[in-house]
Amino acid sequence: MTETDGTYMPINALILLMMLVLISAAFYVGRTRALRSAGREAISLHSLPNYHGYFVALWTGMPALLLMAALAMFGPALTETVVESRLNQAAAPLIQDFETRQEDDSQIVSAQRTLEASETVNAATDARATIQSRRTEIAAEITATARQNSASPLALAGFEYATLPPERRGLFISDARALAFNSQPSEITPAIEATASAFRPVDQAIRYGGAVLAIILALAGLAWSRSRVKAGFRARNRVESAFMGFLMLCSGIAILTTIGIVASLLFESLRFFEAINWRLGEFLFGTQWSPQIAIRAEQVGQSGAFGAVPLFAGTFMITVIAILVAGPIGLFAAIYLSEYAGKRTRNIVKPVMEILAGIPTVVYGFFALLTVGPAIRAAAQFVGFESAVTQSALSAGLVMGVMIIPFVSSLSDDVINSVPQTLRDGAYAMGATKSETVKQVILPAALPGIVGAFLLAISRAVGETMIVVMAAGQGANLTANPLESVTTITVQIVMLLTGDQEFDSAKTLSAFALGLVLFIFTLALNVIALRVVQRYQEKYD
């Protein structure tokens, strides 16, 4: 379990210690039984005695440890599910009364119609505020009546939990859990105290029940696996199969992690599109980005516009500038180091270039803001561009390009060096010069790896934040002029999720929609690169 309460930790530690003792004893039992079943001729065993010991130890510890891991991962969720069920059961009459009053309330019905017919984000926000305000008033009336009728604390707590917005129920349960296990909740209310009292017995039942079941599973596994040990038993095959399954599980973690990331982005993005009344076209093709939502209709500068085209354009412009800098320089440097430079020069130049990858991005940001930006502005004003500013897309792109040079040069150098020497010798034997060999033999052979290096550099540039904040600014500006300030998707995500935010507002949820677009963009880059590699990949014997 995940709680750190001192009264419960010794139970988990004791169970784990018992598992370790049982596993050690199981190994000894399995090995000893294998030797006895073979008599004096240990050579008659199909597998070595240690494999029999591993087999018994695996079946003794694996089921119990898997159960303990499952309880550690899902035990809190199971506890919360049981507690929520008890809350809903206790407050069922109050919840039914609340739903009936909502259906009959004229203000809520009118606001629902306004919400469905609203054409602006602010109108939808006002309608939702009206619905929530009226819901709160009805809930207060039902709560007051229930207290007069001496309703149980658990029923009142369940009703308060049921009437909370979905995004605040998690905080309510977290506070009740913290109070139940002597941690510090964000607030203490009678409803939270009643819920905390319901947490303790449920958690103890799951905790102790899991411990007992783990011990039973360990003993049952020991008895069963010991009975299987015989002279002809293929213990080695079973043990190797078990480890193969473990390796496959580890490999599947990456896939499960990706699925979890996509699912979280997609779920929160759907909430954002719901908050803006499914105006997907406005988000993808709108040219005004102003995520602030007006609280009052007369507020100025709170338009609630979510047109993300300026963010897409800024990200694309800075990335293109960066790759135009890093691509040629990195590739030509890799060709020089691998084909033309001597061993001594290579041993000096390559580590020096790779130092660029170790410089913190905030240092690059300082360099862009204090050195590159003013230099670009002075040069632009000298040739007649009086509107040039210090924070510009060109400044951020140039410095970012310098930062990602090692990604292109080091990977391309390694790929070029991996091209078989026989290809070079064959080209020279046909009379090709060094440059002809590089252009017509080495680069085509190394093209898949070079494409991968460029893709990694582009992904690094797309995800960069600190350089953009310091060198290009934070304002969403739709422009094709690289001498003006722009911003990127990642910068806006950071701004939207920094500080205390409410995850029920369109402003905060828009960060997840931007993240989903960024994910789809990088996925498209990977698909394109894969197609290029498949088209131009050549196989050499």
Protein backbone atom coordinates (compact mmCIF):
# COMPACT_ATOMS: atom_id res chain seq x y z
CA MET A 1 0.00 0.00 0.00
CA THR A 2 1.12 3.54 -0.56
CA GLU A 3 0.33 5.06 2.85
CA THR A 4 3.22 5.98 5.10
CA ASP A 5 1.37 5.72 8.39
CA GLY A 6 3.73 4.22 10.95
CA THR A 7 1.12 1.83 12.39
CA TYR A 8 0.69 0.05 9.08
CA MET A 9 4.19 -0.06 7.63
CA PRO A 10 5.44 -2.90 9.95
CA ILE A 11 2.67 -5.16 8.62
CA ASN A 12 3.84 -4.75 5.05
CA ALA A 13 7.47 -5.06 6.07
CA LEU A 14 6.70 -8.23 8.04
CA ILE A 15 4.86 -9.83 5.13
CA LEU A 16 7.71 -8.98 2.77
CA LEU A 17 10.24 -10.43 5.18
CA MET A 18 8.18 -13.61 5.45
CA MET A 19 8.10 -13.85 1.65
CA LEU A 20 11.87 -13.57 1.44
CA VAL A 21 12.29 -16.29 4.07
CA LEU A 22 9.79 -18.56 2.29
CA ILE A 23 11.48 -18.01 -1.08
CA SER A 24 14.89 -18.86 0.36
CA ALA A 25 13.49 -21.95 2.05
CA ALA A 26 11.69 -22.95 -1.15
CA PHE A 27 14.94 -22.85 -3.13
CA TYR A 28 16.62 -25.11 -0.58
CA VAL A 29 13.61 -27.47 -0.52
CA GLY A 30 13.48 -27.75 -4.30
CA ARG A 31 17.20 -28.35 -4.68
CA THR A 32 17.30 -30.91 -1.88
CA ARG A 33 14.28 -32.80 -3.21
CA ALA A 34 15.83 -32.94 -6.70
CA LEU A 35 19.04 -34.44 -5.32
CA ARG A 36 17.13 -36.98 -3.28
CA SER A 37 14.95 -38.00 -6.23
CA ALA A 38 18.08 -38.69 -8.27
CA GLY A 39 19.76 -40.70 -5.53
CA ARG A 40 23.52 -40.83 -5.79
CA GLU A 41 23.51 -40.30 -9.55
CA ALA A 42 22.77 -36.57 -9.93
CA ILE A 43 23.50 -36.96 -13.63
CA SER A 44 20.11 -38.65 -14.04
CA LEU A 45 18.37 -35.30 -13.44
CA HIS A 46 17.04 -33.58 -16.54
CA SER A 47 18.01 -30.16 -15.14
CA LEU A 48 20.63 -29.04 -12.67
CA PRO A 49 19.55 -29.11 -9.01
CA ASN A 50 19.65 -25.32 -8.85
CA TYR A 51 17.01 -25.10 -11.58
CA HIS A 52 14.67 -27.21 -9.45
CA GLY A 53 15.32 -24.83 -6.58
CA TYR A 54 14.60 -21.83 -8.80
CA PHE A 55 11.37 -23.47 -9.96
CA VAL A 56 10.07 -24.02 -6.43
CA ALA A 57 11.21 -20.55 -5.33
CA LEU A 58 9.45 -18.93 -8.30
CA TRP A 59 6.13 -20.63 -7.61
CA THR A 60 6.45 -19.82 -3.91
CA GLY A 61 7.19 -16.14 -4.29
CA MET A 62 5.75 -15.12 -7.64
CA PRO A 63 1.98 -15.41 -6.93
CA ALA A 64 2.31 -13.81 -3.50
CA LEU A 65 4.55 -10.98 -4.71
CA LEU A 66 2.26 -10.32 -7.66
CA LEU A 67 -0.68 -10.08 -5.27
CA MET A 68 1.25 -7.65 -3.04
CA ALA A 69 2.24 -5.58 -6.07
CA ALA A 70 -1.37 -5.50 -7.25
CA LEU A 71 -2.51 -4.36 -3.82
CA ALA A 72 0.20 -1.68 -3.79
CA MET A 73 -0.96 -0.40 -7.18
CA PHE A 74 -4.71 -0.89 -6.99
CA GLY A 75 -5.36 -1.16 -3.25
CA PRO A 76 -5.96 2.58 -2.75
CA ALA A 77 -8.28 2.66 -5.78
CA LEU A 78 -10.15 -0.38 -4.44
CA THR A 79 -10.49 1.28 -1.05
CA GLU A 80 -11.80 4.46 -2.65
CA THR A 81 -14.28 2.48 -4.74
CA VAL A 82 -15.69 0.74 -1.68
CA VAL A 83 -15.87 4.01 0.27
CA GLU A 84 -17.56 5.79 -2.64
CA SER A 85 -20.07 2.95 -2.85
CA ARG A 86 -20.85 3.32 0.85
CA LEU A 87 -21.22 7.09 0.44
CA ASN A 88 -23.59 6.74 -2.50
CA GLN A 89 -25.62 4.07 -0.72
CA ALA A 90 -25.99 6.19 2.42
CA ALA A 91 -26.92 9.31 0.46
CA ALA A 92 -29.14 7.65 -2.15
CA PRO A 93 -32.43 9.32 -0.99
CA LEU A 94 -30.81 12.75 -0.88
CA ILE A 95 -29.24 12.29 -4.31
CA GLN A 96 -32.57 11.22 -5.77
CA ASP A 97 -34.26 14.30 -4.34
CA PHE A 98 -31.45 16.49 -5.72
CA GLU A 99 -31.80 15.07 -9.24
CA THR A 100 -35.56 15.51 -9.17
CA ARG A 101 -35.30 19.14 -8.14
CA GLN A 102 -32.75 19.82 -10.87
CA GLU A 103 -35.06 18.44 -13.55
CA ASP A 104 -37.91 20.65 -12.33
CA ASP A 105 -35.88 23.84 -11.82
CA SER A 106 -36.69 26.47 -14.46
CA GLN A 107 -33.38 28.33 -14.13
CA ILE A 108 -31.33 25.20 -14.79
CA VAL A 109 -33.51 24.22 -17.74
CA SER A 110 -33.18 27.71 -19.24
CA ALA A 111 -29.41 27.74 -18.73
CA GLN A 112 -29.13 24.31 -20.36
CA ARG A 113 -30.93 25.62 -23.43
CA THR A 114 -28.64 28.66 -23.53
CA LEU A 115 -25.61 26.40 -23.27
CA GLU A 116 -26.75 24.26 -26.18
CA ALA A 117 -27.47 27.29 -28.36
CA SER A 118 -24.49 29.46 -27.33
CA GLU A 119 -22.18 30.68 -30.08
CA THR A 120 -19.33 32.07 -27.98
CA VAL A 121 -17.14 30.59 -25.28
CA ASN A 122 -18.09 33.32 -22.81
CA ALA A 123 -21.82 32.66 -23.28
CA ALA A 124 -21.25 28.98 -22.60
CA THR A 125 -19.18 29.85 -19.53
CA ASP A 126 -21.95 32.11 -18.16
CA ALA A 127 -24.53 29.36 -18.68
CA ARG A 128 -22.37 26.82 -16.88
CA ALA A 129 -21.85 29.28 -14.01
CA THR A 130 -25.64 29.74 -13.70
CA ILE A 131 -26.21 25.99 -13.62
CA GLN A 132 -23.52 25.47 -11.01
CA SER A 133 -24.81 28.31 -8.85
CA ARG A 134 -28.34 26.96 -8.89
CA ARG A 135 -27.10 23.43 -8.18
CA THR A 136 -25.26 24.76 -5.14
CA GLU A 137 -28.39 26.48 -3.84
CA ILE A 138 -30.51 23.33 -4.23
CA ALA A 139 -27.83 21.23 -2.55
CA ALA A 140 -27.70 23.65 0.40
CA GLU A 141 -31.47 23.43 0.85
CA ILE A 142 -31.46 19.61 0.80
CA THR A 143 -28.52 19.51 3.24
CA ALA A 144 -30.29 21.83 5.69
CA THR A 145 -33.45 19.70 5.56
CA ALA A 146 -31.44 16.49 6.05
CA ARG A 147 -29.73 17.88 9.15
CA GLN A 148 -33.08 18.85 10.62
CA ASN A 149 -34.22 15.26 10.05
CA SER A 150 -31.08 13.96 11.84
CA ALA A 151 -29.50 12.34 8.80
CA SER A 152 -26.33 10.35 9.46
CA PRO A 153 -22.93 12.05 8.96
CA LEU A 154 -22.07 9.48 6.29
CA ALA A 155 -25.25 10.34 4.34
CA LEU A 156 -24.46 14.05 4.49
CA ALA A 157 -20.89 13.36 3.42
CA GLY A 158 -22.08 11.19 0.55
CA PHE A 159 -24.48 13.86 -0.64
CA GLU A 160 -21.79 16.55 -0.53
CA TYR A 161 -19.45 14.27 -2.47
CA ALA A 162 -22.12 13.52 -5.10
CA THR A 163 -22.88 17.21 -5.68
CA LEU A 164 -19.26 18.24 -6.09
CA PRO A 165 -17.92 18.87 -9.63
CA PRO A 166 -16.11 15.79 -10.98
CA GLU A 167 -12.73 17.52 -10.91
CA ARG A 168 -13.09 18.26 -7.16
CA ARG A 169 -14.14 14.80 -6.04
CA GLY A 170 -10.58 13.56 -6.23
CA LEU A 171 -9.47 16.30 -3.81
CA PHE A 172 -12.32 15.42 -1.43
CA ILE A 173 -11.29 11.75 -1.36
CA SER A 174 -7.61 12.67 -1.03
CA ASP A 175 -8.35 14.88 1.98
CA ALA A 176 -10.42 12.12 3.60
CA ARG A 177 -7.63 9.59 3.00
CA ALA A 178 -5.02 11.98 4.39
CA LEU A 179 -7.10 12.61 7.51
CA ALA A 180 -7.72 8.89 7.97
CA PHE A 181 -4.00 8.09 7.96
CA ASN A 182 -2.71 11.03 9.96
CA SER A 183 -1.45 13.08 7.02
CA GLN A 184 -2.14 16.75 6.38
CA PRO A 185 -5.33 17.40 4.35
CA SER A 186 -5.93 20.66 2.52
CA GLU A 187 -9.05 21.24 4.66
CA ILE A 188 -11.06 19.52 7.37
CA THR A 189 -14.86 19.57 7.24
CA PRO A 190 -17.51 17.37 8.91
CA ALA A 191 -18.07 15.61 5.58
CA ILE A 192 -14.37 14.85 5.21
CA GLU A 193 -14.19 13.60 8.81
CA ALA A 194 -17.15 11.27 8.24
CA THR A 195 -15.57 9.94 5.05
CA ALA A 196 -12.24 9.46 6.83
CA SER A 197 -13.95 7.33 9.48
CA ALA A 198 -15.27 5.11 6.69
CA PHE A 199 -11.79 4.78 5.17
CA ARG A 200 -10.10 3.12 8.14
CA PRO A 201 -12.09 -0.15 8.42
CA VAL A 202 -12.16 -0.65 4.64
CA ASP A 203 -8.43 -0.09 4.31
CA GLN A 204 -7.64 -2.41 7.21
CA ALA A 205 -9.83 -5.16 5.78
CA ILE A 206 -8.13 -4.94 2.38
CA ARG A 207 -4.67 -4.70 3.93
CA TYR A 208 -5.00 -7.62 6.34
CA GLY A 209 -7.00 -9.71 3.89
CA GLY A 210 -4.32 -9.23 1.25
CA ALA A 211 -1.57 -10.19 3.69
CA VAL A 212 -3.33 -13.41 4.70
CA LEU A 213 -4.07 -14.29 1.08
CA ALA A 214 -0.43 -13.67 0.11
CA ILE A 215 0.79 -16.10 2.77
CA ILE A 216 -1.75 -18.72 1.68
CA LEU A 217 -0.68 -18.35 -1.96
CA ALA A 218 2.99 -18.68 -1.02
CA LEU A 219 2.41 -21.87 1.01
CA ALA A 220 0.16 -23.34 -1.69
CA GLY A 221 2.76 -22.57 -4.35
CA LEU A 222 5.45 -24.18 -2.24
CA ALA A 223 3.46 -27.36 -1.72
CA TRP A 224 2.44 -27.68 -5.38
CA SER A 225 5.86 -26.94 -6.89
CA ARG A 226 7.60 -29.28 -4.43
CA SER A 227 5.35 -32.13 -5.55
CA ARG A 228 6.38 -31.55 -9.17
CA VAL A 229 10.11 -31.99 -8.55
CA LYS A 230 11.26 -35.36 -9.92
CA ALA A 231 14.31 -36.72 -11.68
CA GLY A 232 12.83 -36.28 -15.15
CA PHE A 233 11.13 -32.95 -14.49
CA ARG A 234 12.15 -30.25 -17.01
CA ALA A 235 12.81 -27.54 -14.44
CA ARG A 236 15.22 -25.59 -16.64
CA ASN A 237 12.59 -25.18 -19.38
CA ARG A 238 10.01 -23.92 -16.90
CA VAL A 239 12.41 -21.45 -15.29
CA GLU A 240 13.59 -20.08 -18.63
CA SER A 241 10.00 -19.71 -19.79
CA ALA A 242 9.20 -17.75 -16.66
CA PHE A 243 12.11 -15.39 -17.24
CA MET A 244 11.10 -15.03 -20.88
CA GLY A 245 7.66 -13.94 -19.75
CA PHE A 246 9.25 -11.44 -17.37
CA LEU A 247 11.31 -9.96 -20.19
CA MET A 248 8.20 -9.70 -22.38
CA LEU A 249 6.41 -7.92 -19.55
CA CYS A 250 9.24 -5.41 -19.29
CA SER A 251 9.04 -4.83 -23.03
CA GLY A 252 5.30 -4.28 -22.79
CA ILE A 253 5.73 -1.53 -20.20
CA ALA A 254 6.86 0.86 -22.95
CA ILE A 255 3.71 0.13 -24.95
CA LEU A 256 1.49 0.50 -21.90
CA THR A 257 3.18 3.79 -21.03
CA THR A 258 2.53 5.14 -24.51
CA ILE A 259 -1.10 4.06 -24.33
CA GLY A 260 -1.46 5.77 -20.94
CA ILE A 261 0.03 9.02 -22.25
CA VAL A 262 -2.23 9.03 -25.29
CA ALA A 263 -5.29 8.17 -23.21
CA SER A 264 -4.65 10.97 -20.70
CA LEU A 265 -4.08 13.52 -23.45
CA LEU A 266 -7.15 12.40 -25.36
CA PHE A 267 -9.43 12.40 -22.30
CA GLU A 268 -8.46 15.90 -21.18
CA SER A 269 -8.57 17.18 -24.77
CA LEU A 270 -12.14 15.93 -25.13
CA ARG A 271 -13.02 17.84 -21.97
CA PHE A 272 -11.51 20.97 -23.52
CA PHE A 273 -13.46 20.60 -26.77
CA GLU A 274 -16.61 20.04 -24.74
CA ALA A 275 -15.89 23.25 -22.81
CA ILE A 276 -15.69 25.24 -26.07
CA ASN A 277 -18.80 23.51 -27.49
CA TRP A 278 -16.82 21.27 -29.87
CA ARG A 279 -15.48 24.12 -31.98
CA LEU A 280 -12.64 22.03 -33.34
CA GLY A 281 -12.36 24.15 -36.46
CA GLU A 282 -11.86 27.30 -34.40
CA PHE A 283 -9.07 25.63 -32.45
CA LEU A 284 -7.21 24.22 -35.48
CA PHE A 285 -7.76 27.09 -37.93
CA GLY A 286 -8.45 30.13 -35.75
CA THR A 287 -5.91 32.96 -35.88
CA GLN A 288 -6.49 34.52 -32.45
CA TRP A 289 -5.11 32.94 -29.27
CA SER A 290 -6.45 34.46 -26.06
CA PRO A 291 -7.20 31.66 -23.57
CA GLN A 292 -8.39 34.00 -20.82
CA ILE A 293 -12.12 33.56 -20.11
CA ALA A 294 -14.15 36.57 -19.06
CA ILE A 295 -15.78 36.37 -15.65
CA ARG A 296 -18.06 39.32 -16.45
CA ALA A 297 -19.45 40.26 -19.84
CA GLU A 298 -17.97 43.79 -19.69
CA GLN A 299 -14.39 42.65 -19.10
CA VAL A 300 -11.87 43.75 -21.71
CA GLY A 301 -9.10 41.50 -23.00
CA GLN A 302 -10.79 38.31 -21.88
CA SER A 303 -12.08 37.14 -25.24
CA GLY A 304 -11.67 33.42 -24.68
CA ALA A 305 -10.38 32.83 -28.22
CA PHE A 306 -8.64 29.50 -28.79
CA GLY A 307 -7.34 29.78 -32.34
CA ALA A 308 -4.03 27.92 -32.20
CA VAL A 309 -2.69 28.79 -35.66
CA PRO A 310 -0.26 31.44 -34.25
CA LEU A 311 1.22 28.78 -31.98
CA PHE A 312 1.55 26.28 -34.83
CA ALA A 313 3.14 28.90 -37.06
CA GLY A 314 5.61 30.01 -34.38
CA THR A 315 6.62 26.44 -33.63
CA PHE A 316 7.08 25.67 -37.32
CA MET A 317 9.10 28.83 -38.01
CA ILE A 318 11.54 28.38 -35.15
CA THR A 319 11.96 24.67 -35.89
CA VAL A 320 12.68 25.34 -39.58
CA ILE A 321 15.28 27.99 -38.73
CA ALA A 322 16.92 25.67 -36.21
CA ILE A 323 17.12 22.71 -38.59
CA LEU A 324 18.43 24.94 -41.41
CA VAL A 325 21.29 25.82 -39.07
CA ALA A 326 21.92 22.44 -37.48
CA GLY A 327 21.25 20.22 -40.51
CA PRO A 328 23.98 21.34 -42.94
CA ILE A 329 26.54 22.16 -40.25
CA GLY A 330 26.00 18.89 -38.40
CA LEU A 331 26.00 16.73 -41.53
CA PHE A 332 29.06 18.37 -43.08
CA ALA A 333 30.88 18.14 -39.76
CA ALA A 334 30.06 14.44 -39.58
CA ILE A 335 31.33 13.87 -43.12
CA TYR A 336 34.55 15.72 -42.36
CA LEU A 337 35.21 13.91 -39.11
CA SER A 338 34.49 10.46 -40.50
CA GLU A 339 36.06 10.73 -43.98
CA TYR A 340 38.60 13.53 -44.05
CA ALA A 341 39.86 14.34 -40.56
CA GLY A 342 42.83 12.57 -39.07
CA LYS A 343 42.54 10.50 -35.93
CA ARG A 344 44.07 13.20 -33.74
CA THR A 345 41.81 15.92 -35.13
CA ARG A 346 38.76 13.70 -34.71
CA ASN A 347 39.61 12.90 -31.09
CA ILE A 348 39.76 16.63 -30.33
CA VAL A 349 36.95 18.10 -32.45
CA LYS A 350 34.19 15.54 -31.78
CA PRO A 351 34.25 15.82 -27.94
CA VAL A 352 34.38 19.62 -28.23
CA MET A 353 31.27 19.61 -30.45
CA GLU A 354 29.44 17.25 -28.13
CA ILE A 355 29.96 19.71 -25.27
CA LEU A 356 27.23 21.80 -26.93
CA ALA A 357 24.68 19.14 -25.99
CA GLY A 358 25.66 19.39 -22.32
CA ILE A 359 25.13 23.15 -21.95
CA PRO A 360 21.91 23.92 -20.05
CA THR A 361 19.19 25.40 -22.23
CA VAL A 362 18.81 28.36 -19.88
CA VAL A 363 22.41 29.32 -20.74
CA TYR A 364 21.51 29.21 -24.41
CA GLY A 365 18.54 31.43 -23.55
CA PHE A 366 20.78 33.98 -21.83
CA PHE A 367 23.13 33.92 -24.81
CA ALA A 368 20.27 34.46 -27.24
CA LEU A 369 18.71 37.26 -25.18
CA LEU A 370 21.89 39.18 -24.33
CA THR A 371 24.11 38.56 -27.37
CA VAL A 372 22.40 37.11 -30.43
CA GLY A 373 19.13 39.05 -30.15
CA PRO A 374 20.70 42.51 -29.86
CA ALA A 375 23.14 41.68 -32.68
CA ILE A 376 20.32 40.61 -35.00
CA ARG A 377 18.28 43.71 -34.13
CA ALA A 378 21.26 46.02 -34.79
CA ALA A 379 21.99 44.31 -38.12
CA ALA A 380 18.33 44.47 -39.18
CA GLN A 381 18.04 48.15 -38.27
CA PHE A 382 21.27 48.86 -40.16
CA VAL A 383 19.77 47.50 -43.38
CA GLY A 384 16.47 49.32 -42.88
CA PHE A 385 14.19 47.08 -40.77
CA GLU A 386 13.40 49.59 -38.04
CA SER A 387 10.72 47.37 -36.47
CA ALA A 388 13.19 44.62 -35.54
CA VAL A 389 13.09 43.58 -31.88
CA THR A 390 15.49 41.79 -29.56
CA GLN A 391 13.20 38.81 -28.94
CA SER A 392 12.57 37.28 -32.35
CA ALA A 393 12.01 33.95 -34.03
CA LEU A 394 15.34 34.29 -35.86
CA SER A 395 17.26 34.73 -32.61
CA ALA A 396 15.63 31.71 -30.99
CA GLY A 397 16.01 29.58 -34.14
CA LEU A 398 19.69 30.35 -34.60
CA VAL A 399 20.62 29.56 -31.00
CA MET A 400 18.42 26.46 -30.97
CA GLY A 401 20.13 25.32 -34.17
CA VAL A 402 23.51 25.61 -32.48
CA MET A 403 22.17 23.59 -29.55
CA ILE A 404 21.01 20.66 -31.69
CA ILE A 405 24.12 20.47 -33.90
CA PRO A 406 25.55 17.60 -31.77
CA PHE A 407 22.36 15.57 -32.30
CA VAL A 408 22.91 15.67 -36.06
CA SER A 409 26.70 15.48 -36.16
CA SER A 410 27.30 12.73 -33.59
CA LEU A 411 24.59 10.39 -34.82
CA SER A 412 25.43 10.99 -38.48
CA ASP A 413 29.12 10.41 -37.75
CA ASP A 414 28.37 7.10 -36.06
CA VAL A 415 26.16 6.03 -38.95
CA ILE A 416 28.71 6.97 -41.59
CA ASN A 417 31.43 5.11 -39.72
CA SER A 418 29.24 2.01 -39.63
CA VAL A 419 29.18 1.81 -43.45
CA PRO A 420 31.37 -1.19 -44.40
CA GLN A 421 34.87 -0.35 -45.56
CA THR A 422 34.45 -2.75 -48.47
CA LEU A 423 32.05 -0.28 -50.11
CA ARG A 424 34.67 2.45 -50.00
CA ASP A 425 37.34 0.10 -51.36
CA GLY A 426 35.03 -1.00 -54.18
CA ALA A 427 34.33 2.62 -55.15
CA TYR A 428 38.03 3.48 -55.14
CA ALA A 429 38.75 0.40 -57.24
CA MET A 430 36.25 1.66 -59.84
CA GLY A 431 38.18 4.93 -60.05
CA ALA A 432 35.91 7.11 -57.91
CA THR A 433 37.39 10.03 -56.02
CA LYS A 434 36.93 10.63 -52.31
CA SER A 435 34.11 13.14 -52.86
CA GLU A 436 32.37 10.89 -55.41
CA THR A 437 32.56 8.00 -52.98
CA VAL A 438 31.02 10.10 -50.23
CA LYS A 439 28.19 11.40 -52.43
CA GLN A 440 27.34 8.28 -54.39
CA VAL A 441 28.17 5.43 -52.01
CA ILE A 442 28.53 6.40 -48.36
CA LEU A 443 25.66 8.89 -48.00
CA PRO A 444 23.09 6.63 -49.74
CA ALA A 445 24.16 3.74 -47.53
CA ALA A 446 23.95 5.87 -44.37
CA LEU A 447 20.74 7.67 -45.36
CA PRO A 448 18.39 5.81 -42.96
CA GLY A 449 20.56 6.71 -39.99
CA ILE A 450 20.98 10.29 -41.17
CA VAL A 451 17.21 10.66 -41.48
CA GLY A 452 16.91 9.36 -37.93
CA ALA A 453 19.45 11.94 -36.74
CA PHE A 454 17.53 14.77 -38.43
CA LEU A 455 14.27 13.49 -36.95
CA LEU A 456 15.75 13.45 -33.45
CA ALA A 457 17.04 16.99 -33.94
CA ILE A 458 13.63 18.20 -35.15
CA SER A 459 11.88 16.55 -32.20
CA ARG A 460 14.36 18.21 -29.84
CA ALA A 461 13.72 21.60 -31.43
CA VAL A 462 9.94 21.20 -31.33
CA GLY A 463 10.03 20.38 -27.62
CA GLU A 464 12.36 23.18 -26.55
CA THR A 465 10.86 25.77 -24.19
CA MET A 466 13.43 27.82 -22.29
CA ILE A 467 15.23 29.24 -25.32
CA VAL A 468 11.90 30.28 -26.88
CA VAL A 469 10.70 31.98 -23.69
CA MET A 470 13.88 34.04 -23.35
CA ALA A 471 14.74 34.63 -27.01
CA ALA A 472 11.40 34.74 -28.87
CA GLY A 473 8.89 35.95 -26.27
CA GLN A 474 5.56 34.62 -25.05
CA GLY A 475 3.01 36.50 -27.13
CA ALA A 476 0.98 34.60 -29.73
CA ASN A 477 1.77 36.48 -32.94
CA LEU A 478 0.81 35.21 -36.40
CA THR A 479 3.53 36.46 -38.71
CA ALA A 480 5.88 35.28 -41.43
CA ASN A 481 8.57 37.77 -40.43
CA PRO A 482 11.36 36.01 -38.47
CA LEU A 483 12.41 39.36 -36.98
CA GLU A 484 9.21 39.56 -34.91
CA SER A 485 8.36 37.92 -31.59
CA VAL A 486 6.49 34.62 -31.69
CA THR A 487 5.72 31.79 -29.31
CA THR A 488 5.44 28.01 -29.55
CA ILE A 489 3.14 25.25 -28.39
CA THR A 490 5.43 24.13 -25.56
CA VAL A 491 5.76 27.65 -24.17
CA GLN A 492 1.99 28.05 -24.02
CA ILE A 493 1.59 24.65 -22.34
CA VAL A 494 4.02 25.73 -19.62
CA MET A 495 2.25 29.06 -19.14
CA LEU A 496 -1.18 27.44 -18.96
CA LEU A 497 -0.14 24.83 -16.39
CA THR A 498 2.11 26.99 -14.20
CA GLY A 499 0.81 28.02 -10.80
CA ASP A 500 -2.54 27.25 -9.19
CA GLN A 501 -4.93 26.24 -11.95
CA GLU A 502 -8.48 24.94 -12.02
CA PHE A 503 -8.75 21.89 -14.22
CA ASP A 504 -12.39 22.58 -15.01
CA SER A 505 -11.72 25.68 -17.12
CA ALA A 506 -11.20 25.78 -20.86
CA LYS A 507 -8.04 27.83 -20.35
CA THR A 508 -6.24 25.09 -18.41
CA LEU A 509 -7.64 22.22 -20.46
CA SER A 510 -6.42 23.85 -23.67
CA ALA A 511 -2.89 22.84 -22.66
CA PHE A 512 -3.84 19.19 -23.11
CA ALA A 513 -5.32 19.87 -26.55
CA LEU A 514 -2.06 21.57 -27.53
CA GLY A 515 -0.14 18.58 -26.18
CA LEU A 516 -2.29 16.23 -28.24
CA VAL A 517 -1.58 18.24 -31.40
CA LEU A 518 2.14 18.18 -30.60
CA PHE A 519 1.99 14.42 -30.10
CA ILE A 520 0.22 13.91 -33.44
CA PHE A 521 2.80 16.14 -35.14
CA THR A 522 5.77 14.18 -33.81
CA LEU A 523 4.00 10.92 -34.67
CA ALA A 524 3.58 12.16 -38.24
CA LEU A 525 7.29 13.00 -38.37
CA ASN A 526 8.11 9.46 -37.29
CA VAL A 527 5.82 7.97 -39.94
CA ILE A 528 7.33 10.16 -42.66
CA ALA A 529 10.86 9.26 -41.59
CA LEU A 530 9.95 5.58 -41.58
CA ARG A 531 8.61 5.86 -45.12
CA VAL A 532 11.78 7.60 -46.25
CA VAL A 533 13.93 4.94 -44.67
CA GLN A 534 11.89 2.14 -46.23
CA ARG A 535 12.12 3.75 -49.63
CA TYR A 536 15.83 4.46 -49.69
CA GLN A 537 17.17 1.78 -47.41
CA GLU A 538 19.72 -0.44 -49.11
CA LYS A 539 21.07 -3.73 -47.87
CA TYR A 540 24.72 -4.56 -48.18
CA ASP A 541 26.36 -7.93 -47.74
